[in-house]
Amino acid sequence: MPFLEFSLHPIVDNSELVFKEGEGTFHSNNTFVISSSFYNSKAGVWEPVLEKFTFTQEIDINPINEYKKKIDIIAEKGPLNLDISDEMVRIVLF
């Protein structure tokens, strides 16, 4: 049985691929939610490790102009919560 689960869910997908004569550009602005859980076999339940966290990824690429490439990852407002239990530490370390 797996003991760690990782989830990445897209919320908004705004990707655009444009081809003009002699050039092509790619622009993407997407929002995702990530989370992770640990299976506590002692308690028989999945426990959150990384609570749901939202971030936005932006990509701009112009293959003709080498200076016009940009990748940004922007965290939404709110905390990034990590929960580490004694049982998780015991299983990972021993």
N, C-alpha and C. Protein backbone atom coordinates (compact mmCIF):
# COMPACT_ATOMS: atom_id res chain seq x y z
N MET A 1 0.84 -1.19 0.00
CA MET A 1 0.00 0.00 0.00
C MET A 1 0.88 1.25 0.00
N PRO A 2 0.56 2.23 -0.84
CA PRO A 2 1.34 3.47 -0.84
C PRO A 2 1.17 4.21 0.49
N PHE A 3 2.20 4.94 0.88
CA PHE A 3 2.08 5.67 2.14
C PHE A 3 2.08 7.18 1.94
N LEU A 4 2.26 7.66 0.69
CA LEU A 4 2.22 9.09 0.42
C LEU A 4 1.46 9.34 -0.87
N GLU A 5 0.57 10.32 -0.84
CA GLU A 5 -0.23 10.69 -2.00
C GLU A 5 0.01 12.16 -2.29
N PHE A 6 0.18 12.49 -3.56
CA PHE A 6 0.36 13.88 -3.97
C PHE A 6 -0.67 14.20 -5.03
N SER A 7 -1.38 15.33 -4.89
CA SER A 7 -2.43 15.71 -5.85
C SER A 7 -2.14 17.09 -6.41
N LEU A 8 -2.34 17.24 -7.71
CA LEU A 8 -2.23 18.52 -8.40
C LEU A 8 -3.47 18.65 -9.28
N HIS A 9 -4.31 19.63 -8.96
CA HIS A 9 -5.58 19.79 -9.69
C HIS A 9 -5.63 21.16 -10.35
N PRO A 10 -5.81 21.21 -11.67
CA PRO A 10 -5.96 22.51 -12.31
C PRO A 10 -7.33 23.11 -12.01
N ILE A 11 -7.37 24.40 -11.75
CA ILE A 11 -8.63 25.11 -11.53
C ILE A 11 -8.97 25.93 -12.77
N VAL A 12 -7.97 26.65 -13.27
CA VAL A 12 -8.15 27.51 -14.44
C VAL A 12 -7.06 27.16 -15.44
N ASP A 13 -7.43 26.95 -16.69
CA ASP A 13 -6.45 26.66 -17.74
C ASP A 13 -6.65 27.68 -18.86
N ASN A 14 -5.75 28.64 -18.92
CA ASN A 14 -5.80 29.66 -19.97
C ASN A 14 -4.51 29.58 -20.79
N SER A 15 -4.42 28.60 -21.65
CA SER A 15 -3.24 28.43 -22.48
C SER A 15 -3.56 28.86 -23.90
N GLU A 16 -2.58 29.48 -24.54
CA GLU A 16 -2.80 29.97 -25.90
C GLU A 16 -1.52 29.76 -26.71
N LEU A 17 -1.65 29.08 -27.80
CA LEU A 17 -0.54 28.84 -28.72
C LEU A 17 -0.86 29.58 -30.01
N VAL A 18 -0.02 30.55 -30.38
CA VAL A 18 -0.28 31.39 -31.55
C VAL A 18 0.86 31.23 -32.55
N PHE A 19 0.51 30.96 -33.79
CA PHE A 19 1.50 30.88 -34.86
C PHE A 19 1.23 31.99 -35.86
N LYS A 20 2.24 32.83 -36.06
CA LYS A 20 2.18 33.84 -37.11
C LYS A 20 3.28 33.48 -38.10
N GLU A 21 3.21 34.02 -39.28
CA GLU A 21 4.22 33.69 -40.29
C GLU A 21 5.61 34.01 -39.76
N GLY A 22 6.45 32.97 -39.70
CA GLY A 22 7.82 33.15 -39.27
C GLY A 22 8.04 33.10 -37.77
N GLU A 23 7.00 32.98 -36.99
CA GLU A 23 7.19 32.91 -35.53
C GLU A 23 6.01 32.21 -34.87
N GLY A 24 6.24 31.78 -33.68
CA GLY A 24 5.18 31.17 -32.88
C GLY A 24 5.37 31.60 -31.44
N THR A 25 4.30 31.80 -30.73
CA THR A 25 4.39 32.17 -29.33
C THR A 25 3.50 31.25 -28.50
N PHE A 26 3.85 31.11 -27.25
CA PHE A 26 3.06 30.32 -26.32
C PHE A 26 2.87 31.13 -25.06
N HIS A 27 1.63 31.25 -24.63
CA HIS A 27 1.31 31.93 -23.37
C HIS A 27 0.40 31.02 -22.57
N SER A 28 0.70 30.90 -21.30
CA SER A 28 -0.11 30.05 -20.42
C SER A 28 -0.23 30.74 -19.07
N ASN A 29 -1.44 30.77 -18.54
CA ASN A 29 -1.71 31.32 -17.22
C ASN A 29 -2.70 30.36 -16.56
N ASN A 30 -2.20 29.52 -15.65
CA ASN A 30 -3.03 28.47 -15.06
C ASN A 30 -2.98 28.54 -13.54
N THR A 31 -4.07 28.16 -12.92
CA THR A 31 -4.15 28.10 -11.47
C THR A 31 -4.35 26.65 -11.05
N PHE A 32 -3.59 26.24 -10.04
CA PHE A 32 -3.61 24.86 -9.55
C PHE A 32 -3.81 24.82 -8.04
N VAL A 33 -4.31 23.69 -7.57
CA VAL A 33 -4.33 23.39 -6.13
C VAL A 33 -3.49 22.15 -5.93
N ILE A 34 -2.54 22.22 -4.99
CA ILE A 34 -1.73 21.05 -4.66
C ILE A 34 -2.04 20.63 -3.23
N SER A 35 -1.88 19.34 -2.98
CA SER A 35 -2.04 18.80 -1.62
C SER A 35 -1.33 17.46 -1.56
N SER A 36 -1.08 17.01 -0.33
CA SER A 36 -0.42 15.74 -0.14
C SER A 36 -0.92 15.12 1.16
N SER A 37 -1.02 13.78 1.16
CA SER A 37 -1.48 13.06 2.35
C SER A 37 -0.56 11.87 2.62
N PHE A 38 -0.53 11.49 3.87
CA PHE A 38 0.28 10.36 4.34
C PHE A 38 -0.66 9.31 4.93
N TYR A 39 -0.42 8.04 4.60
CA TYR A 39 -1.27 6.98 5.15
C TYR A 39 -0.69 6.53 6.49
N ASN A 40 -1.43 6.79 7.55
CA ASN A 40 -1.04 6.38 8.90
C ASN A 40 -1.59 4.98 9.13
N SER A 41 -0.73 3.97 8.95
CA SER A 41 -1.18 2.58 9.06
C SER A 41 -1.56 2.23 10.50
N LYS A 42 -0.99 2.90 11.45
CA LYS A 42 -1.32 2.63 12.85
C LYS A 42 -2.77 3.02 13.15
N ALA A 43 -3.19 4.18 12.61
CA ALA A 43 -4.57 4.65 12.82
C ALA A 43 -5.51 4.19 11.70
N GLY A 44 -4.93 3.74 10.56
CA GLY A 44 -5.76 3.30 9.43
C GLY A 44 -6.44 4.43 8.69
N VAL A 45 -5.80 5.62 8.65
CA VAL A 45 -6.41 6.79 7.99
C VAL A 45 -5.35 7.56 7.20
N TRP A 46 -5.82 8.32 6.21
CA TRP A 46 -4.96 9.25 5.49
C TRP A 46 -4.93 10.56 6.25
N GLU A 47 -3.72 11.08 6.52
CA GLU A 47 -3.56 12.35 7.23
C GLU A 47 -2.95 13.37 6.26
N PRO A 48 -3.41 14.63 6.32
CA PRO A 48 -2.81 15.63 5.44
C PRO A 48 -1.36 15.92 5.83
N VAL A 49 -0.51 16.05 4.81
CA VAL A 49 0.88 16.49 5.03
C VAL A 49 0.99 17.93 4.52
N LEU A 50 0.61 18.12 3.25
CA LEU A 50 0.54 19.46 2.67
C LEU A 50 -0.94 19.76 2.48
N GLU A 51 -1.45 20.71 3.25
CA GLU A 51 -2.86 21.06 3.11
C GLU A 51 -3.07 21.79 1.79
N LYS A 52 -4.30 21.79 1.29
CA LYS A 52 -4.59 22.38 -0.03
C LYS A 52 -4.00 23.78 -0.12
N PHE A 53 -3.24 24.00 -1.21
CA PHE A 53 -2.56 25.26 -1.43
C PHE A 53 -2.73 25.65 -2.89
N THR A 54 -3.07 26.91 -3.14
CA THR A 54 -3.35 27.39 -4.49
C THR A 54 -2.19 28.23 -5.00
N PHE A 55 -1.79 27.98 -6.26
CA PHE A 55 -0.77 28.82 -6.88
C PHE A 55 -1.09 29.00 -8.36
N THR A 56 -0.52 30.04 -8.94
CA THR A 56 -0.70 30.35 -10.35
C THR A 56 0.64 30.22 -11.06
N GLN A 57 0.62 29.61 -12.23
CA GLN A 57 1.82 29.44 -13.04
C GLN A 57 1.60 30.22 -14.33
N GLU A 58 2.58 31.06 -14.67
CA GLU A 58 2.52 31.83 -15.92
C GLU A 58 3.74 31.51 -16.77
N ILE A 59 3.51 31.25 -18.04
CA ILE A 59 4.60 30.96 -18.98
C ILE A 59 4.39 31.82 -20.23
N ASP A 60 5.44 32.52 -20.65
CA ASP A 60 5.45 33.25 -21.92
C ASP A 60 6.71 32.85 -22.66
N ILE A 61 6.55 32.33 -23.87
CA ILE A 61 7.70 31.89 -24.67
C ILE A 61 7.55 32.41 -26.09
N ASN A 62 8.61 33.03 -26.57
CA ASN A 62 8.70 33.45 -27.96
C ASN A 62 10.00 32.87 -28.49
N PRO A 63 9.95 31.79 -29.28
CA PRO A 63 11.18 31.12 -29.71
C PRO A 63 12.08 31.97 -30.60
N ILE A 64 11.56 32.99 -31.23
CA ILE A 64 12.37 33.85 -32.10
C ILE A 64 13.25 34.79 -31.26
N ASN A 65 12.68 35.34 -30.20
CA ASN A 65 13.39 36.29 -29.35
C ASN A 65 13.86 35.57 -28.09
N GLU A 66 15.16 35.27 -28.00
CA GLU A 66 15.66 34.49 -26.88
C GLU A 66 15.52 35.22 -25.54
N TYR A 67 15.30 36.52 -25.57
CA TYR A 67 15.15 37.28 -24.33
C TYR A 67 13.70 37.36 -23.86
N LYS A 68 12.80 36.81 -24.63
CA LYS A 68 11.38 36.90 -24.28
C LYS A 68 10.85 35.54 -23.85
N LYS A 69 11.45 34.99 -22.79
CA LYS A 69 11.00 33.74 -22.20
C LYS A 69 10.80 34.01 -20.72
N LYS A 70 9.67 33.62 -20.20
CA LYS A 70 9.39 33.92 -18.80
C LYS A 70 8.56 32.78 -18.21
N ILE A 71 8.96 32.32 -17.03
CA ILE A 71 8.17 31.35 -16.28
C ILE A 71 8.08 31.87 -14.85
N ASP A 72 6.88 32.09 -14.38
CA ASP A 72 6.65 32.57 -13.01
C ASP A 72 5.72 31.60 -12.29
N ILE A 73 6.00 31.37 -11.02
CA ILE A 73 5.07 30.65 -10.15
C ILE A 73 4.73 31.60 -9.01
N ILE A 74 3.46 31.90 -8.87
CA ILE A 74 3.00 32.90 -7.92
C ILE A 74 2.09 32.23 -6.90
N ALA A 75 2.45 32.32 -5.64
CA ALA A 75 1.62 31.75 -4.58
C ALA A 75 0.45 32.67 -4.30
N GLU A 76 -0.71 32.08 -4.11
CA GLU A 76 -1.88 32.85 -3.73
C GLU A 76 -1.73 33.27 -2.27
N LYS A 77 -2.52 34.23 -1.86
CA LYS A 77 -2.47 34.64 -0.46
C LYS A 77 -2.94 33.50 0.43
N GLY A 78 -2.31 33.37 1.56
CA GLY A 78 -2.67 32.30 2.49
C GLY A 78 -1.44 31.50 2.85
N PRO A 79 -1.51 30.81 3.95
CA PRO A 79 -0.34 30.06 4.42
C PRO A 79 -0.16 28.74 3.66
N LEU A 80 1.07 28.27 3.66
CA LEU A 80 1.40 26.94 3.16
C LEU A 80 1.56 26.08 4.41
N ASN A 81 0.58 25.21 4.67
CA ASN A 81 0.57 24.40 5.89
C ASN A 81 1.11 23.01 5.65
N LEU A 82 2.14 22.66 6.42
CA LEU A 82 2.70 21.31 6.42
C LEU A 82 2.42 20.68 7.76
N ASP A 83 1.87 19.47 7.75
CA ASP A 83 1.54 18.75 8.98
C ASP A 83 2.40 17.49 9.03
N ILE A 84 3.24 17.38 10.04
CA ILE A 84 4.13 16.23 10.18
C ILE A 84 3.81 15.54 11.50
N SER A 85 3.36 14.29 11.39
CA SER A 85 2.99 13.54 12.59
C SER A 85 4.15 12.68 13.07
N ASP A 86 4.10 12.28 14.33
CA ASP A 86 5.12 11.39 14.89
C ASP A 86 5.19 10.08 14.11
N GLU A 87 4.02 9.55 13.71
CA GLU A 87 3.98 8.27 12.98
C GLU A 87 4.65 8.40 11.61
N MET A 88 4.44 9.54 10.94
CA MET A 88 5.07 9.75 9.65
C MET A 88 6.60 9.80 9.80
N VAL A 89 7.08 10.48 10.77
CA VAL A 89 8.52 10.55 11.01
C VAL A 89 9.08 9.17 11.32
N ARG A 90 8.35 8.40 12.12
CA ARG A 90 8.80 7.06 12.50
C ARG A 90 8.93 6.17 11.26
N ILE A 91 7.94 6.21 10.36
CA ILE A 91 7.96 5.36 9.18
C ILE A 91 9.02 5.81 8.17
N VAL A 92 9.17 7.10 8.00
CA VAL A 92 10.16 7.60 7.04
C VAL A 92 11.59 7.34 7.51
N LEU A 93 11.84 7.49 8.80
CA LEU A 93 13.20 7.36 9.31
C LEU A 93 13.60 5.95 9.68
N PHE A 94 12.65 5.08 9.95
CA PHE A 94 13.02 3.73 10.43
C PHE A 94 12.51 2.65 9.55
